[in-house]
């Protein structure tokens, strides 16, 4: 699966992206000053209406500076599902590939 999200908001701690179906994803940069041992560059969270955003995965740098990888465990099978997040147009869009369900 491949889904495109457009940046719809930014504050001091996160960037918010929204797909055509109104699903929201939130990218939170990792605070490296707080804990130097953390390896993810971003945390990816899913916006949940009238609730706190749900943590999905950490995003890790790849050889391509526009691409990041992450994974999460399927709640039914327990298998790890890999995903790729690609930043496009200077960060105005992100494309998430590989995950059909959260």
PDB file of N, CA and C in Angstrom:
ATOM      1  N   UNK A   1       0.836  -1.181   0.000  1.00  0.00           N
ATOM      2  CA  UNK A   1       0.000   0.000   0.000  1.00  0.00           C
ATOM      3  C   UNK A   1       0.880   1.243   0.000  1.00  0.00           C
ATOM      4  N   UNK A   2       0.407   2.278  -0.641  1.00  0.00           N
ATOM      5  CA  UNK A   2       1.120   3.548  -0.715  1.00  0.00           C
ATOM      6  C   UNK A   2       0.106   4.658  -0.479  1.00  0.00           C
ATOM      7  N   UNK A   3       0.398   5.546   0.458  1.00  0.00           N
ATOM      8  CA  UNK A   3      -0.539   6.618   0.787  1.00  0.00           C
ATOM      9  C   UNK A   3       0.221   7.924   0.910  1.00  0.00           C
ATOM     10  N   UNK A   4      -0.343   9.000   0.337  1.00  0.00           N
ATOM     11  CA  UNK A   4       0.307  10.307   0.334  1.00  0.00           C
ATOM     12  C   UNK A   4      -0.403  11.226   1.320  1.00  0.00           C
ATOM     13  N   UNK A   5       0.409  11.940   2.103  1.00  0.00           N
ATOM     14  CA  UNK A   5      -0.091  12.897   3.100  1.00  0.00           C
ATOM     15  C   UNK A   5       0.503  14.265   2.796  1.00  0.00           C
ATOM     16  N   UNK A   6      -0.287  15.312   2.977  1.00  0.00           N
ATOM     17  CA  UNK A   6       0.172  16.684   2.763  1.00  0.00           C
ATOM     18  C   UNK A   6       0.270  17.393   4.099  1.00  0.00           C
ATOM     19  N   UNK A   7       1.328  18.182   4.257  1.00  0.00           N
ATOM     20  CA  UNK A   7       1.511  18.931   5.508  1.00  0.00           C
ATOM     21  C   UNK A   7       0.345  19.890   5.683  1.00  0.00           C
ATOM     22  N   UNK A   8      -0.270  19.840   6.864  1.00  0.00           N
ATOM     23  CA  UNK A   8      -1.413  20.719   7.136  1.00  0.00           C
ATOM     24  C   UNK A   8      -1.217  21.536   8.405  1.00  0.00           C
ATOM     25  N   UNK A   9      -0.087  21.343   9.080  1.00  0.00           N
ATOM     26  CA  UNK A   9       0.168  22.124  10.281  1.00  0.00           C
ATOM     27  C   UNK A   9       1.543  21.839  10.858  1.00  0.00           C
ATOM     28  N   UNK A  10       2.073  22.849  11.545  1.00  0.00           N
ATOM     29  CA  UNK A  10       3.376  22.736  12.197  1.00  0.00           C
ATOM     30  C   UNK A  10       3.304  23.521  13.493  1.00  0.00           C
ATOM     31  N   UNK A  11       3.897  22.950  14.556  1.00  0.00           N
ATOM     32  CA  UNK A  11       4.071  23.716  15.773  1.00  0.00           C
ATOM     33  C   UNK A  11       5.503  23.515  16.255  1.00  0.00           C
ATOM     34  N   UNK A  12       5.819  23.897  17.462  1.00  0.00           N
ATOM     35  CA  UNK A  12       7.196  23.815  17.953  1.00  0.00           C
ATOM     36  C   UNK A  12       7.679  22.382  18.117  1.00  0.00           C
ATOM     37  N   UNK A  13       6.776  21.432  18.264  1.00  0.00           N
ATOM     38  CA  UNK A  13       7.200  20.062  18.570  1.00  0.00           C
ATOM     39  C   UNK A  13       6.863  19.033  17.502  1.00  0.00           C
ATOM     40  N   UNK A  14       6.076  19.385  16.475  1.00  0.00           N
ATOM     41  CA  UNK A  14       5.657  18.363  15.510  1.00  0.00           C
ATOM     42  C   UNK A  14       5.171  18.976  14.205  1.00  0.00           C
ATOM     43  N   UNK A  15       5.122  18.130  13.168  1.00  0.00           N
ATOM     44  CA  UNK A  15       4.499  18.470  11.889  1.00  0.00           C
ATOM     45  C   UNK A  15       3.327  17.523  11.689  1.00  0.00           C
ATOM     46  N   UNK A  16       2.208  18.064  11.227  1.00  0.00           N
ATOM     47  CA  UNK A  16       1.001  17.272  11.030  1.00  0.00           C
ATOM     48  C   UNK A  16       0.745  17.153   9.529  1.00  0.00           C
ATOM     49  N   UNK A  17       0.482  15.927   9.080  1.00  0.00           N
ATOM     50  CA  UNK A  17       0.197  15.630   7.682  1.00  0.00           C
ATOM     51  C   UNK A  17      -1.179  14.981   7.595  1.00  0.00           C
ATOM     52  N   UNK A  18      -1.889  15.263   6.482  1.00  0.00           N
ATOM     53  CA  UNK A  18      -3.231  14.699   6.316  1.00  0.00           C
ATOM     54  C   UNK A  18      -3.391  14.131   4.916  1.00  0.00           C
ATOM     55  N   UNK A  19      -4.001  12.938   4.821  1.00  0.00           N
ATOM     56  CA  UNK A  19      -4.299  12.297   3.540  1.00  0.00           C
ATOM     57  C   UNK A  19      -5.652  12.773   3.028  1.00  0.00           C
ATOM     58  N   UNK A  20      -5.957  12.420   1.795  1.00  0.00           N
ATOM     59  CA  UNK A  20      -7.250  12.796   1.215  1.00  0.00           C
ATOM     60  C   UNK A  20      -8.429  12.252   2.002  1.00  0.00           C
ATOM     61  N   UNK A  21      -8.255  11.078   2.632  1.00  0.00           N
ATOM     62  CA  UNK A  21      -9.347  10.493   3.418  1.00  0.00           C
ATOM     63  C   UNK A  21      -9.423  11.060   4.838  1.00  0.00           C
ATOM     64  N   UNK A  22      -8.676  12.139   5.088  1.00  0.00           N
ATOM     65  CA  UNK A  22      -8.655  12.877   6.366  1.00  0.00           C
ATOM     66  C   UNK A  22      -7.838  12.202   7.459  1.00  0.00           C
ATOM     67  N   UNK A  23      -7.198  11.059   7.171  1.00  0.00           N
ATOM     68  CA  UNK A  23      -6.332  10.421   8.161  1.00  0.00           C
ATOM     69  C   UNK A  23      -5.128  11.319   8.401  1.00  0.00           C
ATOM     70  N   UNK A  24      -4.763  11.490   9.663  1.00  0.00           N
ATOM     71  CA  UNK A  24      -3.650  12.366  10.014  1.00  0.00           C
ATOM     72  C   UNK A  24      -2.480  11.566  10.567  1.00  0.00           C
ATOM     73  N   UNK A  25      -1.283  11.985  10.173  1.00  0.00           N
ATOM     74  CA  UNK A  25      -0.036  11.453  10.709  1.00  0.00           C
ATOM     75  C   UNK A  25       0.751  12.610  11.301  1.00  0.00           C
ATOM     76  N   UNK A  26       1.415  12.337  12.399  1.00  0.00           N
ATOM     77  CA  UNK A  26       2.171  13.360  13.114  1.00  0.00           C
ATOM     78  C   UNK A  26       3.620  12.914  13.199  1.00  0.00           C
ATOM     79  N   UNK A  27       4.532  13.782  12.751  1.00  0.00           N
ATOM     80  CA  UNK A  27       5.969  13.510  12.832  1.00  0.00           C
ATOM     81  C   UNK A  27       6.557  14.358  13.947  1.00  0.00           C
ATOM     82  N   UNK A  28       7.187  13.690  14.890  1.00  0.00           N
ATOM     83  CA  UNK A  28       7.791  14.367  16.031  1.00  0.00           C
ATOM     84  C   UNK A  28       9.295  14.126  15.986  1.00  0.00           C
ATOM     85  N   UNK A  29      10.110  15.171  15.842  1.00  0.00           N
ATOM     86  CA  UNK A  29      11.555  14.961  15.857  1.00  0.00           C
ATOM     87  C   UNK A  29      12.001  14.447  17.221  1.00  0.00           C
ATOM     88  N   UNK A  30      12.987  13.551  17.227  1.00  0.00           N
ATOM     89  CA  UNK A  30      13.526  13.021  18.476  1.00  0.00           C
ATOM     90  C   UNK A  30      14.433  14.078  19.089  1.00  0.00           C
ATOM     91  N   UNK A  31      14.277  14.300  20.378  1.00  0.00           N
ATOM     92  CA  UNK A  31      15.110  15.265  21.101  1.00  0.00           C
ATOM     93  C   UNK A  31      16.440  14.602  21.453  1.00  0.00           C
ATOM     94  N   UNK A  32      17.443  14.831  20.657  1.00  0.00           N
ATOM     95  CA  UNK A  32      18.751  14.202  20.860  1.00  0.00           C
ATOM     96  C   UNK A  32      19.456  14.716  22.111  1.00  0.00           C
ATOM     97  N   UNK A  33      19.155  15.917  22.567  1.00  0.00           N
ATOM     98  CA  UNK A  33      19.788  16.444  23.767  1.00  0.00           C
ATOM     99  C   UNK A  33      19.305  15.698  25.009  1.00  0.00           C
ATOM    100  N   UNK A  34      18.101  15.173  24.944  1.00  0.00           N
ATOM    101  CA  UNK A  34      17.528  14.475  26.086  1.00  0.00           C
ATOM    102  C   UNK A  34      18.174  13.106  26.278  1.00  0.00           C
ATOM    103  N   UNK A  35      18.370  12.362  25.194  1.00  0.00           N
ATOM    104  CA  UNK A  35      18.930  11.017  25.307  1.00  0.00           C
ATOM    105  C   UNK A  35      19.755  10.715  24.059  1.00  0.00           C
ATOM    106  N   UNK A  36      21.046  10.724  24.180  1.00  0.00           N
ATOM    107  CA  UNK A  36      21.938  10.516  23.045  1.00  0.00           C
ATOM    108  C   UNK A  36      21.865   9.101  22.479  1.00  0.00           C
ATOM    109  N   UNK A  37      21.351   8.138  23.229  1.00  0.00           N
ATOM    110  CA  UNK A  37      21.334   6.752  22.755  1.00  0.00           C
ATOM    111  C   UNK A  37      20.180   6.462  21.800  1.00  0.00           C
ATOM    112  N   UNK A  38      19.233   7.382  21.679  1.00  0.00           N
ATOM    113  CA  UNK A  38      18.099   7.148  20.785  1.00  0.00           C
ATOM    114  C   UNK A  38      18.553   7.214  19.342  1.00  0.00           C
ATOM    115  N   UNK A  39      18.153   6.241  18.560  1.00  0.00           N
ATOM    116  CA  UNK A  39      18.560   6.197  17.174  1.00  0.00           C
ATOM    117  C   UNK A  39      17.516   6.713  16.187  1.00  0.00           C
ATOM    118  N   UNK A  40      16.210   6.630  16.472  1.00  0.00           N
ATOM    119  CA  UNK A  40      15.262   7.149  15.477  1.00  0.00           C
ATOM    120  C   UNK A  40      15.432   8.664  15.315  1.00  0.00           C
ATOM    121  N   UNK A  41      15.175   9.124  14.113  1.00  0.00           N
ATOM    122  CA  UNK A  41      15.222  10.549  13.823  1.00  0.00           C
ATOM    123  C   UNK A  41      13.871  11.191  14.148  1.00  0.00           C
ATOM    124  N   UNK A  42      12.789  10.465  13.870  1.00  0.00           N
ATOM    125  CA  UNK A  42      11.427  10.933  14.120  1.00  0.00           C
ATOM    126  C   UNK A  42      10.629   9.827  14.801  1.00  0.00           C
ATOM    127  N   UNK A  43       9.554  10.239  15.459  1.00  0.00           N
ATOM    128  CA  UNK A  43       8.509   9.319  15.890  1.00  0.00           C
ATOM    129  C   UNK A  43       7.322   9.575  14.979  1.00  0.00           C
ATOM    130  N   UNK A  44       6.671   8.515  14.525  1.00  0.00           N
ATOM    131  CA  UNK A  44       5.476   8.635  13.696  1.00  0.00           C
ATOM    132  C   UNK A  44       4.277   8.258  14.550  1.00  0.00           C
ATOM    133  N   UNK A  45       3.306   9.158  14.593  1.00  0.00           N
ATOM    134  CA  UNK A  45       2.080   8.917  15.359  1.00  0.00           C
ATOM    135  C   UNK A  45       0.885   9.113  14.437  1.00  0.00           C
ATOM    136  N   UNK A  46      -0.194   8.395  14.729  1.00  0.00           N
ATOM    137  CA  UNK A  46      -1.433   8.558  13.978  1.00  0.00           C
ATOM    138  C   UNK A  46      -2.381   9.419  14.784  1.00  0.00           C
ATOM    139  N   UNK A  47      -2.927  10.450  14.147  1.00  0.00           N
ATOM    140  CA  UNK A  47      -3.905  11.297  14.813  1.00  0.00           C
ATOM    141  C   UNK A  47      -5.195  10.535  15.009  1.00  0.00           C
ATOM    142  N   UNK A  48      -5.720  10.603  16.213  1.00  0.00           N
ATOM    143  CA  UNK A  48      -6.974   9.927  16.552  1.00  0.00           C
ATOM    144  C   UNK A  48      -7.947  10.998  17.011  1.00  0.00           C
ATOM    145  N   UNK A  49      -9.109  11.034  16.350  1.00  0.00           N
ATOM    146  CA  UNK A  49     -10.103  12.067  16.662  1.00  0.00           C
ATOM    147  C   UNK A  49     -10.500  12.054  18.138  1.00  0.00           C
ATOM    148  N   UNK A  50     -10.488  13.223  18.744  1.00  0.00           N
ATOM    149  CA  UNK A  50     -10.894  13.418  20.142  1.00  0.00           C
ATOM    150  C   UNK A  50     -10.122  12.532  21.111  1.00  0.00           C
ATOM    151  N   UNK A  51      -8.867  12.252  20.777  1.00  0.00           N
ATOM    152  CA  UNK A  51      -8.051  11.419  21.629  1.00  0.00           C
ATOM    153  C   UNK A  51      -6.582  11.772  21.418  1.00  0.00           C
ATOM    154  N   UNK A  52      -5.755  11.261  22.286  1.00  0.00           N
ATOM    155  CA  UNK A  52      -4.319  11.452  22.183  1.00  0.00           C
ATOM    156  C   UNK A  52      -3.787  10.691  20.960  1.00  0.00           C
ATOM    157  N   UNK A  53      -2.824  11.267  20.190  1.00  0.00           N
ATOM    158  CA  UNK A  53      -2.271  10.538  19.042  1.00  0.00           C
ATOM    159  C   UNK A  53      -1.682   9.197  19.463  1.00  0.00           C
ATOM    160  N   UNK A  54      -1.778   8.209  18.563  1.00  0.00           N
ATOM    161  CA  UNK A  54      -1.300   6.857  18.836  1.00  0.00           C
ATOM    162  C   UNK A  54       0.093   6.684  18.235  1.00  0.00           C
ATOM    163  N   UNK A  55       1.058   6.285  19.064  1.00  0.00           N
ATOM    164  CA  UNK A  55       2.415   6.027  18.603  1.00  0.00           C
ATOM    165  C   UNK A  55       2.408   4.824  17.661  1.00  0.00           C
ATOM    166  N   UNK A  56       3.078   4.962  16.502  1.00  0.00           N
ATOM    167  CA  UNK A  56       3.172   3.862  15.551  1.00  0.00           C
ATOM    168  C   UNK A  56       4.573   3.269  15.493  1.00  0.00           C
ATOM    169  N   UNK A  57       5.589   4.127  15.289  1.00  0.00           N
ATOM    170  CA  UNK A  57       6.950   3.619  15.133  1.00  0.00           C
ATOM    171  C   UNK A  57       7.962   4.761  15.204  1.00  0.00           C
ATOM    172  N   UNK A  58       9.205   4.401  15.406  1.00  0.00           N
ATOM    173  CA  UNK A  58      10.307   5.329  15.215  1.00  0.00           C
ATOM    174  C   UNK A  58      10.732   5.246  13.766  1.00  0.00           C
ATOM    175  N   UNK A  59      11.195   6.358  13.213  1.00  0.00           N
ATOM    176  CA  UNK A  59      11.671   6.370  11.830  1.00  0.00           C
ATOM    177  C   UNK A  59      13.182   6.528  11.827  1.00  0.00           C
ATOM    178  N   UNK A  60      13.850   5.660  11.086  1.00  0.00           N
ATOM    179  CA  UNK A  60      15.299   5.600  11.055  1.00  0.00           C
ATOM    180  C   UNK A  60      15.818   6.049   9.696  1.00  0.00           C
ATOM    181  N   UNK A  61      16.943   6.733   9.688  1.00  0.00           N
ATOM    182  CA  UNK A  61      17.559   7.204   8.451  1.00  0.00           C
ATOM    183  C   UNK A  61      17.990   6.025   7.585  1.00  0.00           C
ATOM    184  N   UNK A  62      17.945   6.211   6.274  1.00  0.00           N
ATOM    185  CA  UNK A  62      18.447   5.240   5.305  1.00  0.00           C
ATOM    186  C   UNK A  62      19.560   5.910   4.503  1.00  0.00           C
ATOM    187  N   UNK A  63      20.088   5.213   3.522  1.00  0.00           N
ATOM    188  CA  UNK A  63      21.136   5.801   2.671  1.00  0.00           C
ATOM    189  C   UNK A  63      20.618   6.977   1.859  1.00  0.00           C
ATOM    190  N   UNK A  64      19.329   6.951   1.523  1.00  0.00           N
ATOM    191  CA  UNK A  64      18.701   8.053   0.798  1.00  0.00           C
ATOM    192  C   UNK A  64      18.219   9.080   1.820  1.00  0.00           C
ATOM    193  N   UNK A  65      18.712  10.325   1.772  1.00  0.00           N
ATOM    194  CA  UNK A  65      18.331  11.323   2.791  1.00  0.00           C
ATOM    195  C   UNK A  65      16.846  11.698   2.808  1.00  0.00           C
ATOM    196  N   UNK A  66      16.101  11.333   1.774  1.00  0.00           N
ATOM    197  CA  UNK A  66      14.669  11.629   1.733  1.00  0.00           C
ATOM    198  C   UNK A  66      13.822  10.468   2.238  1.00  0.00           C
ATOM    199  N   UNK A  67      14.438   9.309   2.508  1.00  0.00           N
ATOM    200  CA  UNK A  67      13.706   8.117   2.916  1.00  0.00           C
ATOM    201  C   UNK A  67      14.054   7.700   4.340  1.00  0.00           C
ATOM    202  N   UNK A  68      13.035   7.236   5.057  1.00  0.00           N
ATOM    203  CA  UNK A  68      13.195   6.724   6.417  1.00  0.00           C
ATOM    204  C   UNK A  68      12.455   5.399   6.508  1.00  0.00           C
ATOM    205  N   UNK A  69      12.916   4.528   7.387  1.00  0.00           N
ATOM    206  CA  UNK A  69      12.253   3.240   7.552  1.00  0.00           C
ATOM    207  C   UNK A  69      11.751   3.095   8.984  1.00  0.00           C
ATOM    208  N   UNK A  70      10.721   2.289   9.130  1.00  0.00           N
ATOM    209  CA  UNK A  70      10.161   2.009  10.446  1.00  0.00           C
ATOM    210  C   UNK A  70       9.480   0.655  10.412  1.00  0.00           C
ATOM    211  N   UNK A  71       9.017   0.216  11.557  1.00  0.00           N
ATOM    212  CA  UNK A  71       8.287  -1.045  11.623  1.00  0.00           C
ATOM    213  C   UNK A  71       7.329  -1.025  12.802  1.00  0.00           C
ATOM    214  N   UNK A  72       6.359  -1.915  12.746  1.00  0.00           N
ATOM    215  CA  UNK A  72       5.439  -2.094  13.867  1.00  0.00           C
ATOM    216  C   UNK A  72       4.953  -3.533  13.842  1.00  0.00           C
ATOM    217  N   UNK A  73       4.428  -3.976  14.948  1.00  0.00           N
ATOM    218  CA  UNK A  73       3.969  -5.359  15.064  1.00  0.00           C
ATOM    219  C   UNK A  73       2.484  -5.437  14.721  1.00  0.00           C
ATOM    220  N   UNK A  74       2.141  -6.369  13.840  1.00  0.00           N
ATOM    221  CA  UNK A  74       0.751  -6.615  13.487  1.00  0.00           C
ATOM    222  C   UNK A  74       0.021  -7.147  14.711  1.00  0.00           C
ATOM    223  N   UNK A  75      -1.098  -6.536  15.054  1.00  0.00           N
ATOM    224  CA  UNK A  75      -1.811  -6.911  16.273  1.00  0.00           C
ATOM    225  C   UNK A  75      -2.434  -8.305  16.199  1.00  0.00           C
ATOM    226  N   UNK A  76      -2.657  -8.828  15.004  1.00  0.00           N
ATOM    227  CA  UNK A  76      -3.276 -10.145  14.867  1.00  0.00           C
ATOM    228  C   UNK A  76      -2.223 -11.246  14.745  1.00  0.00           C
ATOM    229  N   UNK A  77      -1.276 -11.064  13.828  1.00  0.00           N
ATOM    230  CA  UNK A  77      -0.295 -12.125  13.569  1.00  0.00           C
ATOM    231  C   UNK A  77       0.944 -12.020  14.447  1.00  0.00           C
ATOM    232  N   UNK A  78       1.206 -10.826  14.990  1.00  0.00           N
ATOM    233  CA  UNK A  78       2.415 -10.610  15.781  1.00  0.00           C
ATOM    234  C   UNK A  78       3.656 -10.426  14.933  1.00  0.00           C
ATOM    235  N   UNK A  79       3.500 -10.438  13.592  1.00  0.00           N
ATOM    236  CA  UNK A  79       4.635 -10.273  12.695  1.00  0.00           C
ATOM    237  C   UNK A  79       5.021  -8.803  12.561  1.00  0.00           C
ATOM    238  N   UNK A  80       6.306  -8.571  12.354  1.00  0.00           N
ATOM    239  CA  UNK A  80       6.809  -7.219  12.152  1.00  0.00           C
ATOM    240  C   UNK A  80       6.485  -6.775  10.731  1.00  0.00           C
ATOM    241  N   UNK A  81       5.907  -5.585  10.592  1.00  0.00           N
ATOM    242  CA  UNK A  81       5.570  -5.012   9.296  1.00  0.00           C
ATOM    243  C   UNK A  81       6.483  -3.813   9.056  1.00  0.00           C
ATOM    244  N   UNK A  82       7.224  -3.847   7.961  1.00  0.00           N
ATOM    245  CA  UNK A  82       8.152  -2.776   7.615  1.00  0.00           C
ATOM    246  C   UNK A  82       7.425  -1.712   6.796  1.00  0.00           C
ATOM    247  N   UNK A  83       7.830  -0.466   6.970  1.00  0.00           N
ATOM    248  CA  UNK A  83       7.286   0.603   6.154  1.00  0.00           C
ATOM    249  C   UNK A  83       8.383   1.573   5.777  1.00  0.00           C
ATOM    250  N   UNK A  84       8.124   2.311   4.716  1.00  0.00           N
ATOM    251  CA  UNK A  84       9.054   3.328   4.236  1.00  0.00           C
ATOM    252  C   UNK A  84       8.313   4.650   4.177  1.00  0.00           C
ATOM    253  N   UNK A  85       8.945   5.706   4.680  1.00  0.00           N
ATOM    254  CA  UNK A  85       8.388   7.049   4.620  1.00  0.00           C
ATOM    255  C   UNK A  85       9.314   7.878   3.756  1.00  0.00           C
ATOM    256  N   UNK A  86       8.755   8.493   2.699  1.00  0.00           N
ATOM    257  CA  UNK A  86       9.534   9.288   1.770  1.00  0.00           C
ATOM    258  C   UNK A  86       9.057  10.738   1.856  1.00  0.00           C
ATOM    259  N   UNK A  87      10.007  11.652   2.078  1.00  0.00           N
ATOM    260  CA  UNK A  87       9.700  13.079   2.099  1.00  0.00           C
ATOM    261  C   UNK A  87       9.803  13.614   0.681  1.00  0.00           C
ATOM    262  N   UNK A  88       8.802  14.381   0.256  1.00  0.00           N
ATOM    263  CA  UNK A  88       8.779  14.932  -1.093  1.00  0.00           C
ATOM    264  C   UNK A  88       8.493  16.427  -1.041  1.00  0.00           C
ATOM    265  N   UNK A  89       8.942  17.128  -2.069  1.00  0.00           N
ATOM    266  CA  UNK A  89       8.690  18.562  -2.231  1.00  0.00           C
ATOM    267  C   UNK A  89       9.113  19.345  -0.987  1.00  0.00           C
ATOM    268  N   UNK A  90      10.341  19.092  -0.522  1.00  0.00           N
ATOM    269  CA  UNK A  90      10.876  19.820   0.625  1.00  0.00           C
ATOM    270  C   UNK A  90      10.144  19.565   1.928  1.00  0.00           C
ATOM    271  N   UNK A  91       9.497  18.421   2.051  1.00  0.00           N
ATOM    272  CA  UNK A  91       8.779  18.078   3.280  1.00  0.00           C
ATOM    273  C   UNK A  91       7.316  18.464   3.276  1.00  0.00           C
ATOM    274  N   UNK A  92       6.823  19.008   2.169  1.00  0.00           N
ATOM    275  CA  UNK A  92       5.397  19.360   2.085  1.00  0.00           C
ATOM    276  C   UNK A  92       4.523  18.112   2.004  1.00  0.00           C
ATOM    277  N   UNK A  93       5.089  17.026   1.513  1.00  0.00           N
ATOM    278  CA  UNK A  93       4.362  15.767   1.390  1.00  0.00           C
ATOM    279  C   UNK A  93       5.207  14.640   1.962  1.00  0.00           C
ATOM    280  N   UNK A  94       4.524  13.638   2.511  1.00  0.00           N
ATOM    281  CA  UNK A  94       5.194  12.386   2.844  1.00  0.00           C
ATOM    282  C   UNK A  94       4.386  11.263   2.205  1.00  0.00           C
ATOM    283  N   UNK A  95       5.091  10.250   1.751  1.00  0.00           N
ATOM    284  CA  UNK A  95       4.460   9.057   1.218  1.00  0.00           C
ATOM    285  C   UNK A  95       4.830   7.908   2.133  1.00  0.00           C
ATOM    286  N   UNK A  96       3.832   7.185   2.594  1.00  0.00           N
ATOM    287  CA  UNK A  96       4.068   6.028   3.455  1.00  0.00           C
ATOM    288  C   UNK A  96       3.761   4.781   2.638  1.00  0.00           C
ATOM    289  N   UNK A  97       4.749   3.899   2.539  1.00  0.00           N
ATOM    290  CA  UNK A  97       4.615   2.670   1.766  1.00  0.00           C
ATOM    291  C   UNK A  97       4.802   1.454   2.655  1.00  0.00           C
ATOM    292  N   UNK A  98       4.014   0.420   2.396  1.00  0.00           N
ATOM    293  CA  UNK A  98       4.230  -0.857   3.050  1.00  0.00           C
ATOM    294  C   UNK A  98       3.232  -1.226   4.117  1.00  0.00           C
ATOM    295  N   UNK A  99       2.472  -0.313   4.625  1.00  0.00           N
ATOM    296  CA  UNK A  99       1.519  -0.620   5.697  1.00  0.00           C
ATOM    297  C   UNK A  99       0.102  -0.450   5.175  1.00  0.00           C
ATOM    298  N   UNK A 100      -0.691  -1.497   5.284  1.00  0.00           N
ATOM    299  CA  UNK A 100      -2.081  -1.400   4.836  1.00  0.00           C
ATOM    300  C   UNK A 100      -3.025  -1.177   6.018  1.00  0.00           C
ATOM    301  N   UNK A 101      -2.527  -1.412   7.229  1.00  0.00           N
ATOM    302  CA  UNK A 101      -3.359  -1.181   8.413  1.00  0.00           C
ATOM    303  C   UNK A 101      -2.453  -0.797   9.576  1.00  0.00           C
ATOM    304  N   UNK A 102      -2.997  -0.158  10.531  1.00  0.00           N
ATOM    305  CA  UNK A 102      -2.222   0.297  11.700  1.00  0.00           C
ATOM    306  C   UNK A 102      -2.729  -0.429  12.903  1.00  0.00           C
TER     307      UNK A 102
END
